PDB file of N, CA and C in Angstrom:
ATOM      1  N   MET A   1       0.850  -1.185   0.000  1.00  0.00           N
ATOM      2  CA  MET A   1       0.000   0.000   0.000  1.00  0.00           C
ATOM      3  C   MET A   1       0.891   1.243   0.000  1.00  0.00           C
ATOM      4  N   GLU A   2       0.515   2.236  -0.794  1.00  0.00           N
ATOM      5  CA  GLU A   2       1.298   3.462  -0.919  1.00  0.00           C
ATOM      6  C   GLU A   2       1.092   4.363   0.299  1.00  0.00           C
ATOM      7  N   GLU A   3       2.180   4.953   0.776  1.00  0.00           N
ATOM      8  CA  GLU A   3       2.103   5.834   1.939  1.00  0.00           C
ATOM      9  C   GLU A   3       1.465   7.164   1.550  1.00  0.00           C
ATOM     10  N   VAL A   4       0.588   7.668   2.400  1.00  0.00           N
ATOM     11  CA  VAL A   4      -0.086   8.938   2.164  1.00  0.00           C
ATOM     12  C   VAL A   4       0.806  10.061   2.673  1.00  0.00           C
ATOM     13  N   PRO A   5       1.077  11.080   1.845  1.00  0.00           N
ATOM     14  CA  PRO A   5       1.931  12.182   2.302  1.00  0.00           C
ATOM     15  C   PRO A   5       1.242  13.014   3.380  1.00  0.00           C
ATOM     16  N   ASP A   6       2.042  13.678   4.221  1.00  0.00           N
ATOM     17  CA  ASP A   6       1.497  14.552   5.262  1.00  0.00           C
ATOM     18  C   ASP A   6       0.759  15.737   4.650  1.00  0.00           C
ATOM     19  N   SER A   7       1.229  16.168   3.486  1.00  0.00           N
ATOM     20  CA  SER A   7       0.630  17.319   2.812  1.00  0.00           C
ATOM     21  C   SER A   7       0.688  17.097   1.309  1.00  0.00           C
ATOM     22  N   LEU A   8      -0.313  17.536   0.613  1.00  0.00           N
ATOM     23  CA  LEU A   8      -0.298  17.450  -0.847  1.00  0.00           C
ATOM     24  C   LEU A   8       0.541  18.554  -1.459  1.00  0.00           C
ATOM     25  N   LEU A   9       0.808  19.602  -0.686  1.00  0.00           N
ATOM     26  CA  LEU A   9       1.556  20.742  -1.202  1.00  0.00           C
ATOM     27  C   LEU A   9       3.032  20.596  -0.879  1.00  0.00           C
ATOM     28  N   ALA A  10       3.855  20.656  -1.892  1.00  0.00           N
ATOM     29  CA  ALA A  10       5.299  20.583  -1.699  1.00  0.00           C
ATOM     30  C   ALA A  10       5.791  21.886  -1.079  1.00  0.00           C
ATOM     31  N   THR A  11       6.782  21.792  -0.222  1.00  0.00           N
ATOM     32  CA  THR A  11       7.281  22.981   0.474  1.00  0.00           C
ATOM     33  C   THR A  11       7.972  23.966  -0.452  1.00  0.00           C
ATOM     34  N   ASP A  12       8.395  23.517  -1.630  1.00  0.00           N
ATOM     35  CA  ASP A  12       9.073  24.419  -2.568  1.00  0.00           C
ATOM     36  C   ASP A  12       8.115  25.017  -3.603  1.00  0.00           C
ATOM     37  N   LYS A  13       6.821  24.853  -3.406  1.00  0.00           N
ATOM     38  CA  LYS A  13       5.812  25.379  -4.330  1.00  0.00           C
ATOM     39  C   LYS A  13       5.057  26.533  -3.681  1.00  0.00           C
ATOM     40  N   PRO A  14       4.373  27.355  -4.491  1.00  0.00           N
ATOM     41  CA  PRO A  14       3.603  28.476  -3.929  1.00  0.00           C
ATOM     42  C   PRO A  14       2.504  27.994  -2.979  1.00  0.00           C
ATOM     43  N   ALA A  15       2.100  28.869  -2.094  1.00  0.00           N
ATOM     44  CA  ALA A  15       1.011  28.561  -1.156  1.00  0.00           C
ATOM     45  C   ALA A  15      -0.282  28.303  -1.929  1.00  0.00           C
ATOM     46  N   ALA A  16      -1.189  27.563  -1.316  1.00  0.00           N
ATOM     47  CA  ALA A  16      -2.456  27.226  -1.969  1.00  0.00           C
ATOM     48  C   ALA A  16      -3.357  28.447  -2.127  1.00  0.00           C
ATOM     49  N   VAL A  17      -3.194  29.414  -1.256  1.00  0.00           N
ATOM     50  CA  VAL A  17      -4.037  30.612  -1.299  1.00  0.00           C
ATOM     51  C   VAL A  17      -3.144  31.849  -1.235  1.00  0.00           C
ATOM     52  N   ALA A  18      -3.422  32.779  -2.107  1.00  0.00           N
ATOM     53  CA  ALA A  18      -2.724  34.066  -2.077  1.00  0.00           C
ATOM     54  C   ALA A  18      -3.718  35.113  -1.591  1.00  0.00           C
ATOM     55  N   VAL A  19      -3.269  36.023  -0.752  1.00  0.00           N
ATOM     56  CA  VAL A  19      -4.131  37.079  -0.229  1.00  0.00           C
ATOM     57  C   VAL A  19      -3.595  38.417  -0.714  1.00  0.00           C
ATOM     58  N   HIS A  20      -4.492  39.227  -1.226  1.00  0.00           N
ATOM     59  CA  HIS A  20      -4.154  40.556  -1.730  1.00  0.00           C
ATOM     60  C   HIS A  20      -4.967  41.579  -0.937  1.00  0.00           C
ATOM     61  N   ASN A  21      -4.336  42.684  -0.581  1.00  0.00           N
ATOM     62  CA  ASN A  21      -5.000  43.758   0.171  1.00  0.00           C
ATOM     63  C   ASN A  21      -5.596  43.217   1.473  1.00  0.00           C
ATOM     64  N   GLU A  22      -4.770  42.472   2.181  1.00  0.00           N
ATOM     65  CA  GLU A  22      -5.218  41.763   3.390  1.00  0.00           C
ATOM     66  C   GLU A  22      -5.901  42.666   4.417  1.00  0.00           C
ATOM     67  N   ASN A  23      -5.445  43.896   4.530  1.00  0.00           N
ATOM     68  CA  ASN A  23      -6.006  44.800   5.540  1.00  0.00           C
ATOM     69  C   ASN A  23      -6.953  45.831   4.943  1.00  0.00           C
ATOM     70  N   GLY A  24      -7.516  45.517   3.785  1.00  0.00           N
ATOM     71  CA  GLY A  24      -8.480  46.434   3.185  1.00  0.00           C
ATOM     72  C   GLY A  24      -9.644  46.671   4.135  1.00  0.00           C
ATOM     73  N   PRO A  25     -10.062  47.912   4.319  1.00  0.00           N
ATOM     74  CA  PRO A  25     -11.102  48.215   5.304  1.00  0.00           C
ATOM     75  C   PRO A  25     -12.520  47.843   4.881  1.00  0.00           C
ATOM     76  N   SER A  26     -12.725  47.475   3.637  1.00  0.00           N
ATOM     77  CA  SER A  26     -14.070  47.119   3.179  1.00  0.00           C
ATOM     78  C   SER A  26     -14.575  45.886   3.923  1.00  0.00           C
ATOM     79  N   SER A  27     -15.875  45.795   4.083  1.00  0.00           N
ATOM     80  CA  SER A  27     -16.464  44.610   4.714  1.00  0.00           C
ATOM     81  C   SER A  27     -16.619  43.476   3.699  1.00  0.00           C
ATOM     82  N   LEU A  28     -16.254  43.731   2.453  1.00  0.00           N
ATOM     83  CA  LEU A  28     -16.346  42.713   1.408  1.00  0.00           C
ATOM     84  C   LEU A  28     -15.109  41.821   1.407  1.00  0.00           C
ATOM     85  N   LEU A  29     -15.306  40.576   1.099  1.00  0.00           N
ATOM     86  CA  LEU A  29     -14.225  39.623   0.893  1.00  0.00           C
ATOM     87  C   LEU A  29     -14.438  39.020  -0.486  1.00  0.00           C
ATOM     88  N   ILE A  30     -13.458  39.163  -1.352  1.00  0.00           N
ATOM     89  CA  ILE A  30     -13.550  38.616  -2.700  1.00  0.00           C
ATOM     90  C   ILE A  30     -12.772  37.299  -2.717  1.00  0.00           C
ATOM     91  N   VAL A  31     -13.423  36.233  -3.161  1.00  0.00           N
ATOM     92  CA  VAL A  31     -12.797  34.921  -3.221  1.00  0.00           C
ATOM     93  C   VAL A  31     -12.835  34.454  -4.670  1.00  0.00           C
ATOM     94  N   VAL A  32     -11.676  34.077  -5.202  1.00  0.00           N
ATOM     95  CA  VAL A  32     -11.570  33.659  -6.597  1.00  0.00           C
ATOM     96  C   VAL A  32     -10.968  32.258  -6.646  1.00  0.00           C
ATOM     97  N   ASP A  33     -11.603  31.396  -7.397  1.00  0.00           N
ATOM     98  CA  ASP A  33     -11.111  30.044  -7.601  1.00  0.00           C
ATOM     99  C   ASP A  33     -10.601  29.924  -9.034  1.00  0.00           C
ATOM    100  N   HIS A  34      -9.654  29.078  -9.254  1.00  0.00           N
ATOM    101  CA  HIS A  34      -9.069  28.844 -10.585  1.00  0.00           C
ATOM    102  C   HIS A  34      -8.357  30.074 -11.126  1.00  0.00           C
ATOM    103  N   ALA A  35      -7.725  30.850 -10.249  1.00  0.00           N
ATOM    104  CA  ALA A  35      -6.988  32.031 -10.694  1.00  0.00           C
ATOM    105  C   ALA A  35      -5.627  31.662 -11.267  1.00  0.00           C
ATOM    106  N   ASP A  36      -5.221  30.420 -11.098  1.00  0.00           N
ATOM    107  CA  ASP A  36      -3.957  29.942 -11.635  1.00  0.00           C
ATOM    108  C   ASP A  36      -4.144  28.494 -12.048  1.00  0.00           C
ATOM    109  N   ASN A  37      -3.197  27.955 -12.772  1.00  0.00           N
ATOM    110  CA  ASN A  37      -3.328  26.573 -13.224  1.00  0.00           C
ATOM    111  C   ASN A  37      -2.412  25.607 -12.472  1.00  0.00           C
ATOM    112  N   LEU A  38      -2.027  25.960 -11.272  1.00  0.00           N
ATOM    113  CA  LEU A  38      -1.174  25.084 -10.473  1.00  0.00           C
ATOM    114  C   LEU A  38      -1.996  23.970  -9.827  1.00  0.00           C
ATOM    115  N   THR A  39      -1.424  22.780  -9.767  1.00  0.00           N
ATOM    116  CA  THR A  39      -2.030  21.672  -9.046  1.00  0.00           C
ATOM    117  C   THR A  39      -0.961  21.077  -8.141  1.00  0.00           C
ATOM    118  N   PRO A  40      -1.359  20.464  -7.034  1.00  0.00           N
ATOM    119  CA  PRO A  40      -0.363  19.833  -6.172  1.00  0.00           C
ATOM    120  C   PRO A  40       0.457  18.810  -6.970  1.00  0.00           C
ATOM    121  N   GLN A  41       1.750  18.800  -6.738  1.00  0.00           N
ATOM    122  CA  GLN A  41       2.665  17.916  -7.451  1.00  0.00           C
ATOM    123  C   GLN A  41       2.231  16.455  -7.315  1.00  0.00           C
ATOM    124  N   ALA A  42       1.666  16.094  -6.177  1.00  0.00           N
ATOM    125  CA  ALA A  42       1.235  14.720  -5.940  1.00  0.00           C
ATOM    126  C   ALA A  42       0.120  14.294  -6.897  1.00  0.00           C
ATOM    127  N   PHE A  43      -0.605  15.263  -7.467  1.00  0.00           N
ATOM    128  CA  PHE A  43      -1.695  14.953  -8.392  1.00  0.00           C
ATOM    129  C   PHE A  43      -1.236  14.847  -9.837  1.00  0.00           C
ATOM    130  N   GLY A  44       0.011  15.241 -10.107  1.00  0.00           N
ATOM    131  CA  GLY A  44       0.465  15.267 -11.493  1.00  0.00           C
ATOM    132  C   GLY A  44      -0.377  16.272 -12.268  1.00  0.00           C
ATOM    133  N   ARG A  45      -0.797  15.903 -13.448  1.00  0.00           N
ATOM    134  CA  ARG A  45      -1.661  16.777 -14.258  1.00  0.00           C
ATOM    135  C   ARG A  45      -3.079  16.231 -14.335  1.00  0.00           C
ATOM    136  N   LEU A  46      -3.410  15.306 -13.437  1.00  0.00           N
ATOM    137  CA  LEU A  46      -4.765  14.761 -13.345  1.00  0.00           C
ATOM    138  C   LEU A  46      -5.240  14.145 -14.658  1.00  0.00           C
ATOM    139  N   GLY A  47      -4.301  13.682 -15.466  1.00  0.00           N
ATOM    140  CA  GLY A  47      -4.665  13.077 -16.740  1.00  0.00           C
ATOM    141  C   GLY A  47      -4.963  14.074 -17.840  1.00  0.00           C
ATOM    142  N   ILE A  48      -4.797  15.345 -17.549  1.00  0.00           N
ATOM    143  CA  ILE A  48      -5.054  16.394 -18.537  1.00  0.00           C
ATOM    144  C   ILE A  48      -3.756  16.679 -19.286  1.00  0.00           C
ATOM    145  N   PRO A  49      -3.790  16.691 -20.613  1.00  0.00           N
ATOM    146  CA  PRO A  49      -2.568  16.976 -21.372  1.00  0.00           C
ATOM    147  C   PRO A  49      -1.997  18.352 -21.024  1.00  0.00           C
ATOM    148  N   GLU A  50      -0.681  18.454 -21.028  1.00  0.00           N
ATOM    149  CA  GLU A  50      -0.003  19.715 -20.696  1.00  0.00           C
ATOM    150  C   GLU A  50      -0.536  20.873 -21.535  1.00  0.00           C
ATOM    151  N   SER A  51      -0.826  20.629 -22.804  1.00  0.00           N
ATOM    152  CA  SER A  51      -1.315  21.695 -23.688  1.00  0.00           C
ATOM    153  C   SER A  51      -2.645  22.274 -23.208  1.00  0.00           C
ATOM    154  N   GLU A  52      -3.450  21.467 -22.526  1.00  0.00           N
ATOM    155  CA  GLU A  52      -4.752  21.944 -22.036  1.00  0.00           C
ATOM    156  C   GLU A  52      -4.614  22.873 -20.832  1.00  0.00           C
ATOM    157  N   TYR A  53      -3.461  22.814 -20.168  1.00  0.00           N
ATOM    158  CA  TYR A  53      -3.254  23.690 -19.016  1.00  0.00           C
ATOM    159  C   TYR A  53      -3.112  25.151 -19.417  1.00  0.00           C
ATOM    160  N   LEU A  54      -3.010  25.418 -20.708  1.00  0.00           N
ATOM    161  CA  LEU A  54      -2.963  26.792 -21.200  1.00  0.00           C
ATOM    162  C   LEU A  54      -4.362  27.305 -21.507  1.00  0.00           C
ATOM    163  N   ASN A  55      -5.344  26.440 -21.479  1.00  0.00           N
ATOM    164  CA  ASN A  55      -6.732  26.791 -21.787  1.00  0.00           C
ATOM    165  C   ASN A  55      -7.533  26.992 -20.504  1.00  0.00           C
ATOM    166  N   PRO A  56      -8.727  27.540 -20.606  1.00  0.00           N
ATOM    167  CA  PRO A  56      -9.555  27.776 -19.414  1.00  0.00           C
ATOM    168  C   PRO A  56      -9.978  26.530 -18.653  1.00  0.00           C
ATOM    169  N   ILE A  57      -9.648  25.331 -19.132  1.00  0.00           N
ATOM    170  CA  ILE A  57      -9.983  24.121 -18.385  1.00  0.00           C
ATOM    171  C   ILE A  57      -9.250  24.092 -17.041  1.00  0.00           C
ATOM    172  N   ALA A  58      -8.072  24.710 -16.982  1.00  0.00           N
ATOM    173  CA  ALA A  58      -7.260  24.672 -15.770  1.00  0.00           C
ATOM    174  C   ALA A  58      -7.307  25.971 -14.982  1.00  0.00           C
ATOM    175  N   SER A  59      -7.591  27.066 -15.635  1.00  0.00           N
ATOM    176  CA  SER A  59      -7.671  28.349 -14.927  1.00  0.00           C
ATOM    177  C   SER A  59      -8.555  29.292 -15.717  1.00  0.00           C
ATOM    178  N   ASP A  60      -9.094  30.273 -15.023  1.00  0.00           N
ATOM    179  CA  ASP A  60      -9.893  31.308 -15.674  1.00  0.00           C
ATOM    180  C   ASP A  60      -8.941  32.411 -16.101  1.00  0.00           C
ATOM    181  N   ILE A  61      -8.640  32.449 -17.380  1.00  0.00           N
ATOM    182  CA  ILE A  61      -7.659  33.384 -17.903  1.00  0.00           C
ATOM    183  C   ILE A  61      -8.106  34.820 -17.611  1.00  0.00           C
ATOM    184  N   GLY A  62      -7.249  35.575 -16.960  1.00  0.00           N
ATOM    185  CA  GLY A  62      -7.520  36.978 -16.666  1.00  0.00           C
ATOM    186  C   GLY A  62      -8.213  37.236 -15.348  1.00  0.00           C
ATOM    187  N   VAL A  63      -8.750  36.211 -14.706  1.00  0.00           N
ATOM    188  CA  VAL A  63      -9.505  36.444 -13.473  1.00  0.00           C
ATOM    189  C   VAL A  63      -8.602  36.927 -12.342  1.00  0.00           C
ATOM    190  N   ALA A  64      -7.350  36.503 -12.312  1.00  0.00           N
ATOM    191  CA  ALA A  64      -6.447  36.939 -11.243  1.00  0.00           C
ATOM    192  C   ALA A  64      -6.249  38.454 -11.297  1.00  0.00           C
ATOM    193  N   GLU A  65      -5.915  38.966 -12.473  1.00  0.00           N
ATOM    194  CA  GLU A  65      -5.693  40.407 -12.606  1.00  0.00           C
ATOM    195  C   GLU A  65      -6.990  41.192 -12.427  1.00  0.00           C
ATOM    196  N   ALA A  66      -8.073  40.711 -12.997  1.00  0.00           N
ATOM    197  CA  ALA A  66      -9.356  41.409 -12.862  1.00  0.00           C
ATOM    198  C   ALA A  66      -9.796  41.483 -11.401  1.00  0.00           C
ATOM    199  N   SER A  67      -9.590  40.416 -10.650  1.00  0.00           N
ATOM    200  CA  SER A  67      -9.994  40.415  -9.245  1.00  0.00           C
ATOM    201  C   SER A  67      -9.103  41.326  -8.403  1.00  0.00           C
ATOM    202  N   ARG A  68      -7.817  41.435  -8.754  1.00  0.00           N
ATOM    203  CA  ARG A  68      -6.936  42.371  -8.038  1.00  0.00           C
ATOM    204  C   ARG A  68      -7.383  43.813  -8.283  1.00  0.00           C
ATOM    205  N   VAL A  69      -7.737  44.120  -9.517  1.00  0.00           N
ATOM    206  CA  VAL A  69      -8.222  45.472  -9.844  1.00  0.00           C
ATOM    207  C   VAL A  69      -9.506  45.762  -9.064  1.00  0.00           C
ATOM    208  N   LEU A  70     -10.418  44.794  -9.010  1.00  0.00           N
ATOM    209  CA  LEU A  70     -11.666  44.968  -8.268  1.00  0.00           C
ATOM    210  C   LEU A  70     -11.400  45.155  -6.777  1.00  0.00           C
ATOM    211  N   ALA A  71     -10.490  44.351  -6.216  1.00  0.00           N
ATOM    212  CA  ALA A  71     -10.172  44.472  -4.801  1.00  0.00           C
ATOM    213  C   ALA A  71      -9.596  45.847  -4.487  1.00  0.00           C
ATOM    214  N   GLU A  72      -8.746  46.352  -5.368  1.00  0.00           N
ATOM    215  CA  GLU A  72      -8.189  47.696  -5.171  1.00  0.00           C
ATOM    216  C   GLU A  72      -9.291  48.748  -5.248  1.00  0.00           C
ATOM    217  N   ALA A  73     -10.168  48.629  -6.234  1.00  0.00           N
ATOM    218  CA  ALA A  73     -11.237  49.620  -6.414  1.00  0.00           C
ATOM    219  C   ALA A  73     -12.188  49.647  -5.224  1.00  0.00           C
ATOM    220  N   LEU A  74     -12.445  48.481  -4.641  1.00  0.00           N
ATOM    221  CA  LEU A  74     -13.375  48.393  -3.501  1.00  0.00           C
ATOM    222  C   LEU A  74     -12.646  48.467  -2.164  1.00  0.00           C
ATOM    223  N   ASP A  75     -11.315  48.475  -2.201  1.00  0.00           N
ATOM    224  CA  ASP A  75     -10.470  48.413  -1.013  1.00  0.00           C
ATOM    225  C   ASP A  75     -10.847  47.206  -0.146  1.00  0.00           C
ATOM    226  N   ALA A  76     -11.045  46.081  -0.843  1.00  0.00           N
ATOM    227  CA  ALA A  76     -11.468  44.839  -0.195  1.00  0.00           C
ATOM    228  C   ALA A  76     -10.329  43.822  -0.198  1.00  0.00           C
ATOM    229  N   THR A  77     -10.439  42.843   0.664  1.00  0.00           N
ATOM    230  CA  THR A  77      -9.477  41.748   0.702  1.00  0.00           C
ATOM    231  C   THR A  77      -9.838  40.723  -0.349  1.00  0.00           C
ATOM    232  N   LEU A  78      -8.824  40.197  -0.995  1.00  0.00           N
ATOM    233  CA  LEU A  78      -8.983  39.194  -2.045  1.00  0.00           C
ATOM    234  C   LEU A  78      -8.224  37.933  -1.658  1.00  0.00           C
ATOM    235  N   ALA A  79      -8.884  36.795  -1.775  1.00  0.00           N
ATOM    236  CA  ALA A  79      -8.232  35.493  -1.532  1.00  0.00           C
ATOM    237  C   ALA A  79      -8.392  34.649  -2.772  1.00  0.00           C
TER     238      ALA A  79
END
């Protein structure tokens, strides 16, 4: 039987969640999923061809930048 890792996230990879404008005074919290196409190394590419990781199947193209602009405009925290 294969040993289960303590964490799916490798220590040399980016954090699972990025926070922008953490101390924004707005009562709004903006949460965005699929802002990047990273997957835990333990998952490989989930059977999806590398070429597909450039398409919206793996991430919403432009949503990361658009959500940062929105968070700045509203002075809200973005995760």
